[in-house]
Protein backbone atom coordinates (compact mmCIF):
# COMPACT_ATOMS: atom_id res chain seq x y z
CA UNK A 1 14.96 11.48 -7.31
CA UNK A 2 12.44 9.89 -4.64
CA UNK A 3 11.89 6.23 -4.70
CA UNK A 4 8.30 4.90 -4.87
CA UNK A 5 7.70 1.62 -3.00
CA UNK A 6 4.44 -0.47 -2.91
CA UNK A 7 3.83 -2.37 0.36
CA UNK A 8 0.92 -4.77 0.23
CA UNK A 9 -0.31 -8.02 1.56
CA UNK A 10 -1.48 -10.64 -1.13
CA UNK A 11 -2.41 -14.38 -1.24
CA UNK A 12 -0.54 -16.99 -3.24
CA UNK A 13 -3.05 -16.46 -6.00
CA UNK A 14 -2.54 -12.80 -6.08
CA UNK A 15 -5.60 -11.45 -4.15
CA UNK A 16 -4.96 -8.11 -2.37
CA UNK A 17 -8.55 -7.16 -1.63
CA UNK A 18 -9.60 -6.39 2.03
CA UNK A 19 -6.63 -7.88 3.89
CA UNK A 20 -7.47 -6.02 7.11
CA UNK A 21 -11.08 -6.75 7.94
CA UNK A 22 -14.45 -8.28 6.65
CA UNK A 23 -16.08 -5.01 5.78
CA UNK A 24 -12.95 -3.28 4.22
CA UNK A 25 -13.78 -3.80 0.62
CA UNK A 26 -16.79 -5.89 -0.50
CA UNK A 27 -16.87 -4.82 -4.18
CA UNK A 28 -17.75 -7.48 -6.56
CA UNK A 29 -19.32 -9.43 -3.60
CA UNK A 30 -16.07 -10.03 -1.93
CA UNK A 31 -16.86 -11.70 1.45
CA UNK A 32 -13.44 -12.98 2.55
CA UNK A 33 -12.08 -9.79 3.91
CA UNK A 34 -9.76 -9.78 7.01
CA UNK A 35 -7.77 -12.78 5.59
CA UNK A 36 -4.37 -11.25 6.46
CA UNK A 37 -4.83 -10.87 10.12
CA UNK A 38 -3.82 -14.47 11.06
CA UNK A 39 -0.53 -14.02 9.33
CA UNK A 40 0.62 -11.11 11.48
CA UNK A 41 3.41 -11.99 13.90
CA UNK A 42 6.48 -10.25 15.53
CA UNK A 43 8.77 -11.11 12.64
CA UNK A 44 6.50 -9.08 10.23
CA UNK A 45 6.09 -6.18 12.66
CA UNK A 46 10.02 -6.19 13.30
CA UNK A 47 10.56 -6.28 9.35
CA UNK A 48 8.13 -3.49 8.64
CA UNK A 49 9.48 -1.26 11.49
CA UNK A 50 13.05 -1.74 10.32
CA UNK A 51 12.38 -1.54 6.74
CA UNK A 52 12.77 2.11 6.27
CA UNK A 53 15.68 2.40 8.71
CA UNK A 54 13.88 5.36 10.55
CA UNK A 55 14.02 7.44 7.22
CA UNK A 56 10.89 9.72 6.91
CA UNK A 57 8.52 8.63 3.99
CA UNK A 58 5.42 10.18 2.58
CA UNK A 59 2.36 8.09 1.82
CA UNK A 60 0.63 8.02 -1.64
CA UNK A 61 -2.88 6.64 -1.29
CA UNK A 62 -5.81 6.04 -3.66
CA UNK A 63 -9.19 7.51 -2.77
CA UNK A 64 -10.63 4.29 -1.24
CA UNK A 65 -7.65 3.54 0.81
CA UNK A 66 -7.30 7.15 2.08
CA UNK A 67 -11.11 7.30 3.08
CA UNK A 68 -10.79 4.00 4.89
CA UNK A 69 -7.59 4.97 6.78
CA UNK A 70 -8.89 8.46 7.64
CA UNK A 71 -12.07 6.93 8.89
CA UNK A 72 -10.17 4.39 11.19
CA UNK A 73 -6.76 5.79 12.37
CA UNK A 74 -7.70 9.16 13.83
CA UNK A 75 -10.15 7.19 16.11
CA UNK A 76 -7.37 4.97 17.50
CA UNK A 77 -5.82 7.09 20.23
CA UNK A 78 -4.08 4.39 22.10
CA UNK A 79 -2.57 2.82 18.95
CA UNK A 80 1.21 3.71 18.23
CA UNK A 81 0.66 3.83 14.57
CA UNK A 82 -2.06 6.68 14.88
CA UNK A 83 0.32 9.51 15.76
CA UNK A 84 2.83 8.39 13.06
CA UNK A 85 0.25 8.12 10.28
CA UNK A 86 -1.34 11.46 11.20
CA UNK A 87 2.00 13.11 11.24
CA UNK A 88 3.03 11.64 7.88
CA UNK A 89 2.52 13.60 4.66
CA UNK A 90 -0.23 11.86 2.75
CA UNK A 91 -0.69 12.55 -1.02
CA UNK A 92 -4.16 11.35 -2.25
CA UNK A 93 -4.94 10.47 -5.74
CA UNK A 94 -8.61 11.14 -6.66
CA UNK A 95 -10.85 12.60 -9.28
CA UNK A 96 -13.83 12.77 -7.15
CA UNK A 97 -12.66 14.24 -3.77
CA UNK A 98 -12.46 17.99 -3.20
CA UNK A 99 -10.04 19.64 -0.87
CA UNK A 100 -9.24 20.49 1.72
CA UNK A 101 -9.04 16.98 2.93
CA UNK A 102 -10.04 16.34 6.57
CA UNK A 103 -7.07 14.24 7.85
CA UNK A 104 -4.05 16.37 8.88
CA UNK A 105 -1.05 16.53 6.49
CA UNK A 106 -3.26 15.27 3.56
CA UNK A 107 -2.68 16.76 -0.06
CA UNK A 108 -5.17 16.12 -2.88
CA UNK A 109 -3.47 14.95 -6.12
CA UNK A 110 -6.12 15.73 -8.75
CA UNK A 111 -6.32 14.94 -12.38
CA UNK A 112 -3.98 12.10 -13.68
CA UNK A 113 -2.65 10.44 -10.74
CA UNK A 114 0.26 8.73 -12.49
CA UNK A 115 1.42 12.15 -13.82
CA UNK A 116 1.05 13.85 -10.38
CA UNK A 117 3.04 10.88 -8.70
CA UNK A 118 5.71 11.11 -11.58
CA UNK A 119 6.08 14.89 -10.69
CA UNK A 120 6.33 14.16 -6.98
CA UNK A 121 9.19 11.58 -7.60
CA UNK A 122 11.06 14.48 -9.19
CA UNK A 123 10.64 16.86 -6.33
CA UNK A 124 12.97 16.79 -3.31
CA UNK A 125 11.70 15.09 -0.31
CA UNK A 126 11.23 11.80 1.48
CA UNK A 127 10.63 8.55 -0.40
CA UNK A 128 7.01 7.56 -1.18
CA UNK A 129 5.08 4.44 -0.02
CA UNK A 130 1.91 3.24 -1.48
CA UNK A 131 -0.26 1.18 0.79
CA UNK A 132 -3.41 -0.66 -0.49
CA UNK A 133 -4.61 1.44 -3.39
CA UNK A 134 -4.78 -1.30 -5.84
CA UNK A 135 -6.29 0.83 -8.74
CA UNK A 136 -3.63 3.54 -8.13
CA UNK A 137 -1.02 0.87 -8.34
CA UNK A 138 -2.08 -0.23 -11.67
CA UNK A 139 -1.80 3.25 -13.21
CA UNK A 140 1.64 3.68 -11.72
CA UNK A 141 2.83 0.36 -12.99
CA UNK A 142 1.64 1.33 -16.39
CA UNK A 143 3.77 4.17 -16.32
CA UNK A 144 6.84 2.26 -14.83
CA UNK A 145 6.77 4.48 -11.59
CA UNK A 146 7.14 1.70 -8.97
CA UNK A 147 10.80 1.23 -8.01
CA UNK A 148 10.08 -1.47 -5.39
CA UNK A 149 7.51 -3.87 -4.05
CA UNK A 150 7.41 -5.21 -0.53
CA UNK A 151 5.00 -8.05 -0.68
CA UNK A 152 3.68 -10.11 2.28
CA UNK A 153 2.69 -13.20 0.44
CA UNK A 154 0.17 -15.18 2.77
CA UNK A 155 -0.20 -19.12 2.40
CA UNK A 156 -3.79 -18.71 1.14
CA UNK A 157 -5.58 -19.25 -2.11
CA UNK A 158 -8.84 -17.33 -2.12
CA UNK A 159 -10.00 -17.54 -5.63
CA UNK A 160 -12.10 -14.36 -6.43
CA UNK A 161 -10.92 -10.93 -5.44
CA UNK A 162 -8.99 -8.06 -6.78
CA UNK A 163 -5.45 -8.90 -7.66
CA UNK A 164 -2.36 -6.99 -7.22
CA UNK A 165 -1.10 -8.04 -10.73
CA UNK A 166 -4.05 -8.39 -13.01
CA UNK A 167 -3.58 -9.29 -16.58
CA UNK A 168 -1.88 -6.39 -18.29
CA UNK A 169 1.35 -4.41 -17.91
CA UNK A 170 4.38 -6.79 -17.52
CA UNK A 171 7.16 -6.16 -15.11
CA UNK A 172 10.70 -7.35 -14.74
CA UNK A 173 11.64 -7.56 -11.08
CA UNK A 174 14.79 -8.69 -9.06
CA UNK A 175 14.34 -10.42 -5.82
CA UNK A 176 16.19 -8.36 -3.34
CA UNK A 177 15.42 -9.82 -0.07
CA UNK A 178 13.06 -12.46 1.56
CA UNK A 179 12.04 -13.15 5.18
CA UNK A 180 9.74 -16.03 6.46
CA UNK A 181 7.44 -15.39 9.37
CA UNK A 182 6.36 -17.74 12.06
CA UNK A 183 2.91 -17.82 10.37
CA UNK A 184 4.08 -18.92 6.94
CA UNK A 185 3.95 -15.54 5.44
CA UNK A 186 6.80 -14.72 3.06
CA UNK A 187 7.93 -11.18 2.90
CA UNK A 188 9.60 -10.61 -0.47
CA UNK A 189 11.19 -7.32 -1.46
CA UNK A 190 11.28 -6.93 -5.22
CA UNK A 191 13.06 -4.07 -7.19
CA UNK A 192 12.37 -2.89 -10.57
CA UNK A 193 15.07 -3.70 -13.24
């Protein structure tokens, strides 16, 4: 069975909205986007590069994250992540997008996203990674489909914003690993019990 891992940046108060840039996600009037950039360092880059041990993975993305990535990464020809992300299989959960999807190696998961991901987990293939995709994560959590969380917890309290763990479905997790970065970010790997 394929393992499903959620990888996300979050603040101490649980905000995960728009870590990358100010215009990334302004829903609800959120104006503090780009908050994670100051926390990036070589420790984080090394951890993320070594985290999968070179094993292939497939991405599972919600519609908003997919559209954001597809609008950005293919236009970054000199970035080393561009080729890797383009070559990776990308499964996109959406009830509103229609195929074929424009970015290479992108497959639309229509209908019930959690049911589609549950079926993917049963198929042979590389492990699955969810990046961003807050709404998708909530539906996967409710169905107990997340095997592991890799959280980059930034020493910030933002107040308003979309949270990774809003009130709702509880989860019992086991801390498997922690790494501290030079910028005060704690990288914590939690596994579902």
